[in-house]
Amino acid sequence: RVAESAARAARRPRLETASEVMATIAPLDAA
């Protein structure tokens, strides 16, 4: 079960841009 899950997970996308990485640092709904 763990090996199959690891194989699936390794194929899944990762964060690729600084904006994606930083998206949750400083949430702001100014209105």
PDB file of all heavy atoms in Angstrom:
ATOM      1  N   ARG A   1       0.827  -1.208   0.000  1.00  0.00           N
ATOM      2  CA  ARG A   1       0.000   0.000   0.000  1.00  0.00           C
ATOM      3  C   ARG A   1       0.863   1.260   0.000  1.00  0.00           C
ATOM      4  O   ARG A   1       0.603   2.211  -0.758  1.00  0.00           O
ATOM      5  CB  ARG A   1      -0.928  -0.003   1.211  1.00  0.00           C
ATOM      6  CG  ARG A   1      -1.820   1.220   1.304  1.00  0.00           C
ATOM      7  CD  ARG A   1      -2.704   1.160   2.534  1.00  0.00           C
ATOM      8  NE  ARG A   1      -3.446   2.405   2.723  1.00  0.00           N
ATOM      9  CZ  ARG A   1      -4.200   2.681   3.786  1.00  0.00           C
ATOM     10  NH1 ARG A   1      -4.327   1.775   4.758  1.00  0.00           N
ATOM     11  NH2 ARG A   1      -4.829   3.834   3.885  1.00  0.00           N
ATOM     12  N   VAL A   2       1.899   1.256   0.831  1.00  0.00           N
ATOM     13  CA  VAL A   2       2.775   2.419   0.915  1.00  0.00           C
ATOM     14  C   VAL A   2       3.549   2.603  -0.385  1.00  0.00           C
ATOM     15  O   VAL A   2       3.667   3.727  -0.908  1.00  0.00           O
ATOM     16  CB  VAL A   2       3.731   2.286   2.117  1.00  0.00           C
ATOM     17  CG1 VAL A   2       4.807   3.370   2.060  1.00  0.00           C
ATOM     18  CG2 VAL A   2       2.956   2.385   3.429  1.00  0.00           C
ATOM     19  N   ALA A   3       4.068   1.507  -0.942  1.00  0.00           N
ATOM     20  CA  ALA A   3       4.847   1.611  -2.185  1.00  0.00           C
ATOM     21  C   ALA A   3       3.993   2.128  -3.326  1.00  0.00           C
ATOM     22  O   ALA A   3       4.435   2.986  -4.118  1.00  0.00           O
ATOM     23  CB  ALA A   3       5.443   0.250  -2.535  1.00  0.00           C
ATOM     24  N   GLU A   4       2.771   1.637  -3.431  1.00  0.00           N
ATOM     25  CA  GLU A   4       1.887   2.103  -4.501  1.00  0.00           C
ATOM     26  C   GLU A   4       1.522   3.574  -4.309  1.00  0.00           C
ATOM     27  O   GLU A   4       1.473   4.344  -5.278  1.00  0.00           O
ATOM     28  CB  GLU A   4       0.626   1.234  -4.543  1.00  0.00           C
ATOM     29  CG  GLU A   4       0.892  -0.187  -5.024  1.00  0.00           C
ATOM     30  CD  GLU A   4      -0.355  -1.060  -4.967  1.00  0.00           C
ATOM     31  OE1 GLU A   4      -1.364  -0.609  -4.367  1.00  0.00           O
ATOM     32  OE2 GLU A   4      -0.314  -2.180  -5.510  1.00  0.00           O
ATOM     33  N   SER A   5       1.281   3.955  -3.068  1.00  0.00           N
ATOM     34  CA  SER A   5       0.964   5.362  -2.791  1.00  0.00           C
ATOM     35  C   SER A   5       2.147   6.261  -3.112  1.00  0.00           C
ATOM     36  O   SER A   5       1.989   7.363  -3.665  1.00  0.00           O
ATOM     37  CB  SER A   5       0.559   5.526  -1.326  1.00  0.00           C
ATOM     38  OG  SER A   5      -0.653   4.853  -1.050  1.00  0.00           O
ATOM     39  N   ALA A   6       3.356   5.814  -2.768  1.00  0.00           N
ATOM     40  CA  ALA A   6       4.551   6.607  -3.045  1.00  0.00           C
ATOM     41  C   ALA A   6       4.752   6.770  -4.543  1.00  0.00           C
ATOM     42  O   ALA A   6       5.116   7.860  -5.021  1.00  0.00           O
ATOM     43  CB  ALA A   6       5.774   5.950  -2.409  1.00  0.00           C
ATOM     44  N   ALA A   7       4.531   5.695  -5.298  1.00  0.00           N
ATOM     45  CA  ALA A   7       4.685   5.775  -6.751  1.00  0.00           C
ATOM     46  C   ALA A   7       3.685   6.755  -7.346  1.00  0.00           C
ATOM     47  O   ALA A   7       4.024   7.542  -8.253  1.00  0.00           O
ATOM     48  CB  ALA A   7       4.514   4.384  -7.359  1.00  0.00           C
ATOM     49  N   ARG A   8       2.464   6.746  -6.864  1.00  0.00           N
ATOM     50  CA  ARG A   8       1.456   7.699  -7.343  1.00  0.00           C
ATOM     51  C   ARG A   8       1.850   9.128  -6.976  1.00  0.00           C
ATOM     52  O   ARG A   8       1.778  10.043  -7.810  1.00  0.00           O
ATOM     53  CB  ARG A   8       0.088   7.380  -6.730  1.00  0.00           C
ATOM     54  CG  ARG A   8      -0.604   6.151  -7.271  1.00  0.00           C
ATOM     55  CD  ARG A   8      -1.839   5.843  -6.425  1.00  0.00           C
ATOM     56  NE  ARG A   8      -2.762   6.966  -6.356  1.00  0.00           N
ATOM     57  CZ  ARG A   8      -3.638   7.162  -5.359  1.00  0.00           C
ATOM     58  NH1 ARG A   8      -3.686   6.314  -4.325  1.00  0.00           N
ATOM     59  NH2 ARG A   8      -4.458   8.181  -5.384  1.00  0.00           N
ATOM     60  N   ALA A   9       2.261   9.302  -5.730  1.00  0.00           N
ATOM     61  CA  ALA A   9       2.575  10.648  -5.249  1.00  0.00           C
ATOM     62  C   ALA A   9       3.743  11.256  -6.012  1.00  0.00           C
ATOM     63  O   ALA A   9       3.771  12.468  -6.276  1.00  0.00           O
ATOM     64  CB  ALA A   9       2.888  10.612  -3.756  1.00  0.00           C
ATOM     65  N   ALA A  10       4.718  10.435  -6.359  1.00  0.00           N
ATOM     66  CA  ALA A  10       5.901  10.942  -7.052  1.00  0.00           C
ATOM     67  C   ALA A  10       5.562  11.506  -8.422  1.00  0.00           C
ATOM     68  O   ALA A  10       6.321  12.325  -8.960  1.00  0.00           O
ATOM     69  CB  ALA A  10       6.937   9.832  -7.182  1.00  0.00           C
ATOM     70  N   ARG A  11       4.436  11.100  -8.965  1.00  0.00           N
ATOM     71  CA  ARG A  11       4.042  11.571 -10.290  1.00  0.00           C
ATOM     72  C   ARG A  11       3.152  12.808 -10.237  1.00  0.00           C
ATOM     73  O   ARG A  11       2.792  13.364 -11.276  1.00  0.00           O
ATOM     74  CB  ARG A  11       3.312  10.454 -11.050  1.00  0.00           C
ATOM     75  CG  ARG A  11       4.162   9.228 -11.339  1.00  0.00           C
ATOM     76  CD  ARG A  11       3.464   8.284 -12.317  1.00  0.00           C
ATOM     77  NE  ARG A  11       2.233   7.715 -11.776  1.00  0.00           N
ATOM     78  CZ  ARG A  11       2.169   6.567 -11.108  1.00  0.00           C
ATOM     79  NH1 ARG A  11       3.281   5.866 -10.906  1.00  0.00           N
ATOM     80  NH2 ARG A  11       1.011   6.106 -10.660  1.00  0.00           N
ATOM     81  N   ARG A  12       2.789  13.215  -9.052  1.00  0.00           N
ATOM     82  CA  ARG A  12       1.878  14.349  -8.929  1.00  0.00           C
ATOM     83  C   ARG A  12       2.630  15.672  -9.028  1.00  0.00           C
ATOM     84  O   ARG A  12       3.839  15.741  -8.783  1.00  0.00           O
ATOM     85  CB  ARG A  12       1.094  14.276  -7.605  1.00  0.00           C
ATOM     86  CG  ARG A  12       0.315  12.985  -7.417  1.00  0.00           C
ATOM     87  CD  ARG A  12      -0.471  12.583  -8.659  1.00  0.00           C
ATOM     88  NE  ARG A  12      -1.433  13.606  -9.040  1.00  0.00           N
ATOM     89  CZ  ARG A  12      -1.924  13.756 -10.271  1.00  0.00           C
ATOM     90  NH1 ARG A  12      -1.518  12.968 -11.264  1.00  0.00           N
ATOM     91  NH2 ARG A  12      -2.805  14.706 -10.523  1.00  0.00           N
ATOM     92  N   PRO A  13       1.951  16.756  -9.393  1.00  0.00           N
ATOM     93  CA  PRO A  13       2.624  18.045  -9.615  1.00  0.00           C
ATOM     94  C   PRO A  13       3.203  18.635  -8.337  1.00  0.00           C
ATOM     95  O   PRO A  13       2.747  18.327  -7.224  1.00  0.00           O
ATOM     96  CB  PRO A  13       1.505  18.930 -10.176  1.00  0.00           C
ATOM     97  CG  PRO A  13       0.240  18.306  -9.703  1.00  0.00           C
ATOM     98  CD  PRO A  13       0.497  16.828  -9.665  1.00  0.00           C
ATOM     99  N   ARG A  14       4.210  19.484  -8.525  1.00  0.00           N
ATOM    100  CA  ARG A  14       4.821  20.216  -7.417  1.00  0.00           C
ATOM    101  C   ARG A  14       4.679  21.715  -7.682  1.00  0.00           C
ATOM    102  O   ARG A  14       4.340  22.138  -8.775  1.00  0.00           O
ATOM    103  CB  ARG A  14       6.295  19.844  -7.276  1.00  0.00           C
ATOM    104  CG  ARG A  14       6.535  18.376  -6.954  1.00  0.00           C
ATOM    105  CD  ARG A  14       7.992  18.115  -6.590  1.00  0.00           C
ATOM    106  NE  ARG A  14       8.172  16.709  -6.264  1.00  0.00           N
ATOM    107  CZ  ARG A  14       8.887  15.850  -6.990  1.00  0.00           C
ATOM    108  NH1 ARG A  14       9.501  16.273  -8.093  1.00  0.00           N
ATOM    109  NH2 ARG A  14       9.000  14.590  -6.623  1.00  0.00           N
ATOM    110  N   LEU A  15       4.944  22.489  -6.660  1.00  0.00           N
ATOM    111  CA  LEU A  15       4.953  23.941  -6.816  1.00  0.00           C
ATOM    112  C   LEU A  15       6.066  24.331  -7.778  1.00  0.00           C
ATOM    113  O   LEU A  15       7.190  23.830  -7.674  1.00  0.00           O
ATOM    114  CB  LEU A  15       5.157  24.615  -5.463  1.00  0.00           C
ATOM    115  CG  LEU A  15       4.069  24.333  -4.409  1.00  0.00           C
ATOM    116  CD1 LEU A  15       4.512  24.858  -3.053  1.00  0.00           C
ATOM    117  CD2 LEU A  15       2.742  24.947  -4.817  1.00  0.00           C
ATOM    118  N   GLU A  16       5.768  25.245  -8.694  1.00  0.00           N
ATOM    119  CA  GLU A  16       6.738  25.565  -9.744  1.00  0.00           C
ATOM    120  C   GLU A  16       7.126  27.030  -9.813  1.00  0.00           C
ATOM    121  O   GLU A  16       8.114  27.377 -10.453  1.00  0.00           O
ATOM    122  CB  GLU A  16       6.182  25.131 -11.107  1.00  0.00           C
ATOM    123  CG  GLU A  16       5.997  23.621 -11.231  1.00  0.00           C
ATOM    124  CD  GLU A  16       5.486  23.211 -12.600  1.00  0.00           C
ATOM    125  OE1 GLU A  16       5.074  24.107 -13.369  1.00  0.00           O
ATOM    126  OE2 GLU A  16       5.512  22.004 -12.895  1.00  0.00           O
ATOM    127  N   THR A  17       6.363  27.904  -9.171  1.00  0.00           N
ATOM    128  CA  THR A  17       6.669  29.328  -9.250  1.00  0.00           C
ATOM    129  C   THR A  17       6.688  29.940  -7.855  1.00  0.00           C
ATOM    130  O   THR A  17       6.085  29.419  -6.917  1.00  0.00           O
ATOM    131  CB  THR A  17       5.628  30.078 -10.099  1.00  0.00           C
ATOM    132  OG1 THR A  17       4.364  30.046  -9.416  1.00  0.00           O
ATOM    133  CG2 THR A  17       5.483  29.433 -11.473  1.00  0.00           C
ATOM    134  N   ALA A  18       7.381  31.055  -7.754  1.00  0.00           N
ATOM    135  CA  ALA A  18       7.416  31.763  -6.471  1.00  0.00           C
ATOM    136  C   ALA A  18       6.021  32.194  -6.040  1.00  0.00           C
ATOM    137  O   ALA A  18       5.679  32.146  -4.850  1.00  0.00           O
ATOM    138  CB  ALA A  18       8.344  32.968  -6.575  1.00  0.00           C
ATOM    139  N   SER A  19       5.208  32.599  -6.986  1.00  0.00           N
ATOM    140  CA  SER A  19       3.855  33.044  -6.632  1.00  0.00           C
ATOM    141  C   SER A  19       3.033  31.891  -6.066  1.00  0.00           C
ATOM    142  O   SER A  19       2.220  32.090  -5.151  1.00  0.00           O
ATOM    143  CB  SER A  19       3.153  33.654  -7.845  1.00  0.00           C
ATOM    144  OG  SER A  19       3.036  32.711  -8.889  1.00  0.00           O
ATOM    145  N   GLU A  20       3.234  30.688  -6.591  1.00  0.00           N
ATOM    146  CA  GLU A  20       2.527  29.532  -6.040  1.00  0.00           C
ATOM    147  C   GLU A  20       3.001  29.245  -4.619  1.00  0.00           C
ATOM    148  O   GLU A  20       2.190  28.973  -3.729  1.00  0.00           O
ATOM    149  CB  GLU A  20       2.773  28.301  -6.924  1.00  0.00           C
ATOM    150  CG  GLU A  20       2.060  28.334  -8.256  1.00  0.00           C
ATOM    151  CD  GLU A  20       2.385  27.135  -9.115  1.00  0.00           C
ATOM    152  OE1 GLU A  20       3.400  26.447  -8.866  1.00  0.00           O
ATOM    153  OE2 GLU A  20       1.621  26.877 -10.064  1.00  0.00           O
ATOM    154  N   VAL A  21       4.306  29.292  -4.414  1.00  0.00           N
ATOM    155  CA  VAL A  21       4.849  29.026  -3.076  1.00  0.00           C
ATOM    156  C   VAL A  21       4.316  30.042  -2.073  1.00  0.00           C
ATOM    157  O   VAL A  21       3.920  29.704  -0.956  1.00  0.00           O
ATOM    158  CB  VAL A  21       6.387  29.066  -3.112  1.00  0.00           C
ATOM    159  CG1 VAL A  21       6.963  29.019  -1.691  1.00  0.00           C
ATOM    160  CG2 VAL A  21       6.933  27.905  -3.932  1.00  0.00           C
ATOM    161  N   MET A  22       4.264  31.303  -2.472  1.00  0.00           N
ATOM    162  CA  MET A  22       3.951  32.384  -1.541  1.00  0.00           C
ATOM    163  C   MET A  22       2.469  32.695  -1.431  1.00  0.00           C
ATOM    164  O   MET A  22       2.089  33.591  -0.666  1.00  0.00           O
ATOM    165  CB  MET A  22       4.697  33.647  -1.978  1.00  0.00           C
ATOM    166  CG  MET A  22       6.213  33.497  -1.964  1.00  0.00           C
ATOM    167  SD  MET A  22       7.052  34.892  -2.758  1.00  0.00           S
ATOM    168  CE  MET A  22       6.586  36.231  -1.664  1.00  0.00           C
ATOM    169  N   ALA A  23       1.644  31.960  -2.131  1.00  0.00           N
ATOM    170  CA  ALA A  23       0.218  32.304  -2.216  1.00  0.00           C
ATOM    171  C   ALA A  23      -0.472  32.366  -0.864  1.00  0.00           C
ATOM    172  O   ALA A  23      -1.440  33.113  -0.694  1.00  0.00           O
ATOM    173  CB  ALA A  23      -0.493  31.309  -3.136  1.00  0.00           C
ATOM    174  N   THR A  24      -0.003  31.596   0.110  1.00  0.00           N
ATOM    175  CA  THR A  24      -0.704  31.527   1.401  1.00  0.00           C
ATOM    176  C   THR A  24       0.006  32.282   2.514  1.00  0.00           C
ATOM    177  O   THR A  24      -0.434  32.218   3.670  1.00  0.00           O
ATOM    178  CB  THR A  24      -0.894  30.062   1.824  1.00  0.00           C
ATOM    179  OG1 THR A  24       0.399  29.443   1.974  1.00  0.00           O
ATOM    180  CG2 THR A  24      -1.685  29.293   0.792  1.00  0.00           C
ATOM    181  N   ILE A  25       1.083  32.987   2.205  1.00  0.00           N
ATOM    182  CA  ILE A  25       1.821  33.675   3.273  1.00  0.00           C
ATOM    183  C   ILE A  25       1.017  34.832   3.850  1.00  0.00           C
ATOM    184  O   ILE A  25       0.952  35.015   5.070  1.00  0.00           O
ATOM    185  CB  ILE A  25       3.173  34.196   2.746  1.00  0.00           C
ATOM    186  CG1 ILE A  25       4.127  33.030   2.494  1.00  0.00           C
ATOM    187  CG2 ILE A  25       3.805  35.151   3.755  1.00  0.00           C
ATOM    188  CD1 ILE A  25       5.474  33.464   1.953  1.00  0.00           C
ATOM    189  N   ALA A  26       0.427  35.631   2.981  1.00  0.00           N
ATOM    190  CA  ALA A  26      -0.191  36.882   3.431  1.00  0.00           C
ATOM    191  C   ALA A  26      -1.552  37.092   2.785  1.00  0.00           C
ATOM    192  O   ALA A  26      -1.715  37.974   1.934  1.00  0.00           O
ATOM    193  CB  ALA A  26       0.740  38.048   3.113  1.00  0.00           C
ATOM    194  N   PRO A  27      -2.558  36.295   3.159  1.00  0.00           N
ATOM    195  CA  PRO A  27      -3.885  36.483   2.564  1.00  0.00           C
ATOM    196  C   PRO A  27      -4.451  37.857   2.898  1.00  0.00           C
ATOM    197  O   PRO A  27      -4.289  38.350   4.016  1.00  0.00           O
ATOM    198  CB  PRO A  27      -4.716  35.368   3.208  1.00  0.00           C
ATOM    199  CG  PRO A  27      -3.996  35.029   4.470  1.00  0.00           C
ATOM    200  CD  PRO A  27      -2.548  35.237   4.185  1.00  0.00           C
ATOM    201  N   LEU A  28      -5.083  38.468   1.912  1.00  0.00           N
ATOM    202  CA  LEU A  28      -5.650  39.802   2.132  1.00  0.00           C
ATOM    203  C   LEU A  28      -6.878  39.991   1.266  1.00  0.00           C
ATOM    204  O   LEU A  28      -6.800  39.925   0.041  1.00  0.00           O
ATOM    205  CB  LEU A  28      -4.616  40.878   1.802  1.00  0.00           C
ATOM    206  CG  LEU A  28      -5.118  42.327   1.912  1.00  0.00           C
ATOM    207  CD1 LEU A  28      -5.497  42.661   3.349  1.00  0.00           C
ATOM    208  CD2 LEU A  28      -4.080  43.307   1.386  1.00  0.00           C
ATOM    209  N   ASP A  29      -8.006  40.221   1.927  1.00  0.00           N
ATOM    210  CA  ASP A  29      -9.226  40.650   1.260  1.00  0.00           C
ATOM    211  C   ASP A  29      -9.474  42.078   1.729  1.00  0.00           C
ATOM    212  O   ASP A  29     -10.151  42.313   2.733  1.00  0.00           O
ATOM    213  CB  ASP A  29     -10.388  39.723   1.630  1.00  0.00           C
ATOM    214  CG  ASP A  29     -11.675  40.070   0.903  1.00  0.00           C
ATOM    215  OD1 ASP A  29     -11.786  41.208   0.406  1.00  0.00           O
ATOM    216  OD2 ASP A  29     -12.583  39.211   0.847  1.00  0.00           O
ATOM    217  N   ALA A  30      -8.881  43.036   1.007  1.00  0.00           N
ATOM    218  CA  ALA A  30      -8.888  44.422   1.466  1.00  0.00           C
ATOM    219  C   ALA A  30     -10.296  44.973   1.633  1.00  0.00           C
ATOM    220  O   ALA A  30     -10.587  45.690   2.605  1.00  0.00           O
ATOM    221  CB  ALA A  30      -8.088  45.292   0.497  1.00  0.00           C
ATOM    222  N   ALA A  31     -11.177  44.633   0.710  1.00  0.00           N
ATOM    223  CA  ALA A  31     -12.548  45.151   0.800  1.00  0.00           C
ATOM    224  C   ALA A  31     -13.237  44.649   2.066  1.00  0.00           C
ATOM    225  O   ALA A  31     -13.895  45.417   2.781  1.00  0.00           O
ATOM    226  CB  ALA A  31     -13.344  44.749  -0.441  1.00  0.00           C
TER     227      ALA A  31
END
